[in-house]
Protein backbone atom coordinates (compact mmCIF):
# COMPACT_ATOMS: atom_id res chain seq x y z
CA UNK A 1 98.83 75.47 91.98
CA UNK A 2 99.94 75.00 95.57
CA UNK A 3 102.22 77.73 96.91
CA UNK A 4 104.83 77.35 99.59
CA UNK A 5 106.28 80.45 101.25
CA UNK A 6 109.86 80.15 102.51
CA UNK A 7 111.56 82.54 104.91
CA UNK A 8 114.48 82.61 107.33
CA UNK A 9 114.36 84.19 110.79
CA UNK A 10 117.04 85.80 112.92
CA UNK A 11 116.47 88.06 115.95
CA UNK A 12 114.34 91.26 115.75
CA UNK A 13 111.64 89.49 117.80
CA UNK A 14 108.97 92.19 117.71
CA UNK A 15 109.05 92.57 113.93
CA UNK A 16 109.43 88.83 113.36
CA UNK A 17 106.30 88.03 115.37
CA UNK A 18 104.35 90.52 113.24
CA UNK A 19 105.73 88.84 110.12
CA UNK A 20 104.57 85.47 111.46
CA UNK A 21 101.11 86.97 112.04
CA UNK A 22 101.06 87.92 108.35
CA UNK A 23 102.03 84.38 107.32
CA UNK A 24 99.33 82.93 109.57
CA UNK A 25 96.72 85.15 107.92
CA UNK A 26 97.88 84.15 104.42
CA UNK A 27 97.89 80.48 105.39
CA UNK A 28 94.27 80.66 106.49
CA UNK A 29 93.01 82.76 103.59
CA UNK A 30 94.81 81.12 100.67
CA UNK A 31 95.74 77.65 101.93
CA UNK A 32 99.40 78.35 101.25
CA UNK A 33 102.11 76.49 103.18
CA UNK A 34 104.55 78.75 105.05
CA UNK A 35 107.83 77.28 106.25
CA UNK A 36 110.55 79.14 108.10
CA UNK A 37 114.14 78.37 109.08
CA UNK A 38 115.17 79.51 112.53
CA UNK A 39 118.30 79.09 114.62
CA UNK A 40 118.71 77.48 118.04
CA UNK A 41 114.97 77.12 118.47
CA UNK A 42 114.35 80.86 118.24
CA UNK A 43 110.69 81.44 117.24
CA UNK A 44 109.90 77.70 117.22
CA UNK A 45 107.10 78.20 119.75
CA UNK A 46 105.78 81.30 117.95
CA UNK A 47 105.55 79.28 114.73
CA UNK A 48 103.89 76.35 116.48
CA UNK A 49 101.14 78.56 117.89
CA UNK A 50 100.38 79.80 114.37
CA UNK A 51 100.55 76.47 112.57
CA UNK A 52 103.67 77.53 110.65
CA UNK A 53 106.23 74.86 109.82
CA UNK A 54 109.64 75.36 111.42
CA UNK A 55 113.06 73.84 110.75
CA UNK A 56 116.28 74.69 112.52
CA UNK A 57 119.73 75.45 111.15
CA UNK A 58 122.75 77.49 112.18
CA UNK A 59 122.54 81.09 111.03
CA UNK A 60 125.78 81.12 109.05
CA UNK A 61 126.43 80.63 106.28
CA UNK A 62 123.14 82.08 105.06
CA UNK A 63 123.19 80.13 101.81
CA UNK A 64 123.26 76.89 103.77
CA UNK A 65 120.45 78.09 106.03
CA UNK A 66 118.16 78.98 103.12
CA UNK A 67 119.00 75.69 101.37
CA UNK A 68 117.91 73.85 104.51
CA UNK A 69 114.49 75.44 104.19
CA UNK A 70 114.23 74.73 100.47
CA UNK A 71 115.13 71.08 101.06
CA UNK A 72 112.33 70.88 103.63
CA UNK A 73 109.96 72.29 101.00
CA UNK A 74 110.74 69.31 98.77
CA UNK A 75 108.74 67.02 101.06
CA UNK A 76 105.65 69.24 101.00
CA UNK A 77 102.80 69.16 98.44
CA UNK A 78 103.78 72.44 96.79
CA UNK A 79 104.17 73.22 93.09
CA UNK A 80 105.84 76.64 93.52
CA UNK A 81 107.89 78.30 96.25
CA UNK A 82 107.88 82.01 97.08
CA UNK A 83 110.82 83.61 98.88
CA UNK A 84 110.23 86.30 101.51
CA UNK A 85 112.62 87.87 103.97
CA UNK A 86 111.34 88.13 107.52
CA UNK A 87 110.96 91.90 107.07
CA UNK A 88 109.01 91.64 103.78
CA UNK A 89 105.27 92.13 104.20
CA UNK A 90 103.01 91.30 101.24
CA UNK A 91 99.34 92.16 100.81
CA UNK A 92 96.59 89.63 100.20
CA UNK A 93 96.19 90.73 96.59
CA UNK A 94 99.94 90.25 96.05
CA UNK A 95 99.52 86.57 96.95
CA UNK A 96 96.34 86.31 94.89
CA UNK A 97 98.16 87.69 91.85
CA UNK A 98 101.16 85.38 92.41
CA UNK A 99 98.95 82.31 92.52
CA UNK A 100 97.90 83.05 88.95
CA UNK A 101 101.05 84.65 87.53
CA UNK A 102 103.50 81.98 88.72
CA UNK A 103 101.37 79.00 87.78
CA UNK A 104 102.92 78.37 84.35
CA UNK A 105 106.41 79.75 85.03
CA UNK A 106 109.66 78.30 86.35
CA UNK A 107 111.00 81.59 87.71
CA UNK A 108 109.16 84.88 88.17
CA UNK A 109 108.88 87.96 90.33
CA UNK A 110 108.24 91.68 90.47
CA UNK A 111 110.62 94.44 89.44
CA UNK A 112 109.72 96.89 92.20
CA UNK A 113 108.80 97.20 95.86
CA UNK A 114 108.12 99.68 98.61
CA UNK A 115 110.46 100.24 101.54
CA UNK A 116 110.00 101.83 104.91
CA UNK A 117 112.97 102.65 107.12
CA UNK A 118 112.57 103.63 110.74
CA UNK A 119 116.27 104.35 111.17
CA UNK A 120 116.29 108.14 111.52
CA UNK A 121 119.90 108.19 112.77
CA UNK A 122 121.44 107.46 109.36
CA UNK A 123 121.25 109.98 106.57
CA UNK A 124 118.98 108.92 103.73
CA UNK A 125 117.59 105.91 105.58
CA UNK A 126 114.39 107.25 107.13
CA UNK A 127 111.03 107.39 105.37
CA UNK A 128 108.71 105.66 102.90
CA UNK A 129 110.33 104.79 99.56
CA UNK A 130 109.54 103.23 96.19
CA UNK A 131 112.27 101.35 94.34
CA UNK A 132 112.23 99.82 90.85
CA UNK A 133 114.78 97.81 88.92
CA UNK A 134 115.17 98.22 85.19
CA UNK A 135 115.09 94.83 83.49
CA UNK A 136 115.47 92.65 86.57
CA UNK A 137 113.41 91.43 89.52
CA UNK A 138 113.81 92.22 93.20
CA UNK A 139 114.61 89.40 95.63
CA UNK A 140 111.45 89.33 97.79
CA UNK A 141 108.40 87.69 96.26
CA UNK A 142 110.29 85.63 93.68
CA UNK A 143 108.64 82.33 92.85
CA UNK A 144 110.34 79.13 91.68
CA UNK A 145 108.69 76.01 90.31
CA UNK A 146 109.14 72.53 91.74
CA UNK A 147 110.53 71.39 88.39
CA UNK A 148 113.25 74.05 88.52
CA UNK A 149 114.15 73.12 92.09
CA UNK A 150 114.45 69.47 91.03
CA UNK A 151 117.04 70.53 88.47
CA UNK A 152 118.90 72.53 91.14
CA UNK A 153 118.68 69.55 93.53
CA UNK A 154 116.77 71.73 96.00
CA UNK A 155 119.96 73.60 96.92
CA UNK A 156 119.70 76.73 94.76
CA UNK A 157 121.94 79.01 96.83
CA UNK A 158 125.70 78.88 97.17
CA UNK A 159 126.17 77.04 100.47
CA UNK A 160 129.05 79.22 101.69
CA UNK A 161 127.42 82.55 100.89
CA UNK A 162 126.52 85.14 103.51
CA UNK A 163 125.61 87.83 100.97
CA UNK A 164 124.57 88.15 97.35
CA UNK A 165 122.01 85.35 97.65
CA UNK A 166 119.70 86.76 94.97
CA UNK A 167 122.55 86.85 92.48
CA UNK A 168 123.73 83.41 93.57
CA UNK A 169 120.47 81.66 92.73
CA UNK A 170 120.16 83.52 89.42
CA UNK A 171 123.68 82.42 88.47
CA UNK A 172 122.96 78.82 89.38
CA UNK A 173 119.83 78.86 87.23
CA UNK A 174 121.81 80.29 84.31
CA UNK A 175 124.49 77.62 84.75
CA UNK A 176 121.91 74.91 84.17
CA UNK A 177 122.06 75.88 80.51
CA UNK A 178 118.42 75.10 79.91
CA UNK A 179 115.51 77.13 78.64
CA UNK A 180 113.15 78.19 81.39
CA UNK A 181 109.90 80.11 81.35
CA UNK A 182 110.29 83.34 83.32
CA UNK A 183 108.18 86.44 83.85
CA UNK A 184 108.25 89.84 85.55
CA UNK A 185 105.76 92.56 86.43
CA UNK A 186 105.53 95.78 88.44
CA UNK A 187 103.42 95.85 91.60
CA UNK A 188 102.85 99.58 91.18
CA UNK A 189 101.17 99.03 87.83
CA UNK A 190 98.85 96.42 89.32
CA UNK A 191 98.04 98.19 92.59
CA UNK A 192 99.70 95.47 94.69
CA UNK A 193 101.76 96.03 97.82
CA UNK A 194 104.99 94.57 99.17
CA UNK A 195 107.06 96.50 101.68
CA UNK A 196 110.52 95.83 103.07
CA UNK A 197 110.59 97.24 106.61
CA UNK A 198 114.05 98.32 107.73
CA UNK A 199 114.98 99.03 111.34
CA UNK A 200 118.24 99.32 113.26
CA UNK A 201 119.01 95.63 112.73
CA UNK A 202 119.33 95.92 108.97
CA UNK A 203 122.76 95.82 107.39
CA UNK A 204 121.68 97.09 103.99
CA UNK A 205 120.25 100.55 103.58
CA UNK A 206 117.95 102.20 101.09
CA UNK A 207 119.38 101.55 97.60
CA UNK A 208 120.43 104.32 95.28
CA UNK A 209 117.64 105.30 92.95
CA UNK A 210 114.90 104.72 95.51
CA UNK A 211 112.32 107.51 95.48
CA UNK A 212 111.25 109.09 98.76
CA UNK A 213 107.45 109.26 98.75
CA UNK A 214 105.15 111.94 100.07
CA UNK A 215 102.48 109.30 100.67
CA UNK A 216 101.59 108.34 104.23
CA UNK A 217 103.02 104.97 105.18
CA UNK A 218 100.38 104.56 107.88
CA UNK A 219 97.65 105.04 105.27
CA UNK A 220 99.32 102.46 103.02
CA UNK A 221 99.33 99.93 105.87
CA UNK A 222 95.65 100.57 106.56
CA UNK A 223 94.80 100.20 102.88
CA UNK A 224 96.60 96.91 102.31
CA UNK A 225 96.46 94.99 105.61
CA UNK A 226 93.68 93.96 108.03
CA UNK A 227 93.02 96.47 110.79
CA UNK A 228 94.72 94.57 113.62
CA UNK A 229 97.86 93.79 111.61
CA UNK A 230 98.12 97.39 110.38
CA UNK A 231 97.61 98.74 113.90
CA UNK A 232 100.28 96.46 115.39
CA UNK A 233 102.79 97.41 112.70
CA UNK A 234 102.14 101.11 113.28
CA UNK A 235 102.59 100.75 117.03
CA UNK A 236 105.80 98.79 116.61
CA UNK A 237 107.28 101.32 114.18
CA UNK A 238 106.34 104.20 116.48
CA UNK A 239 108.26 102.52 119.29
CA UNK A 240 111.31 101.96 117.07
CA UNK A 241 111.34 105.52 115.77
CA UNK A 242 111.28 106.79 119.33
CA UNK A 243 114.67 105.20 120.05
């Protein structure tokens, strides 16, 4: 199995550079192929320094921007493609598990994730959270097979969409009317880690049903990421929370 990791970038330079550092680490450790879609050359140089593939597309509509990245994936030697937002940080063991779990599936992902919000100015937004769906998978970390993308003509998202992208791709898969092999799991059950980091640039907040944790987010970062990456994330989040 050869995994591609697709993401789209837009502003939030400090956090985005830390995300690119994470992709660079994963690229070196697991020989995965990260590819990102930026706008107007933003982050092109940052990607180049890290050996991360970059394509450019206007930021809106978002469905068109993500499709641009998926179409670029078609030309790469990948068998499966993982989707990550530029504020979604996954641990090494998350990737290791995905390389095995997704190998024989067309469409798979986890049903839960962790969230950290540094926005202390909005009620209910600040803190370290755990969120789980019942019977469905979250958007970050989903993996799709090359065979499924062939059937979707490598344009799985509604081109005019600026929201609801996770639902859009699921609907388009359903509309194919074919039987696909899918699978889900919970990262909490397997001791894996994926965190969505929310700051003042996020439109969406903490979803209803998310559980505020007593656990230390700093300790979680230290447990799941290399020292330098964890340290840089902590320092960045301290600076954001001070605003």
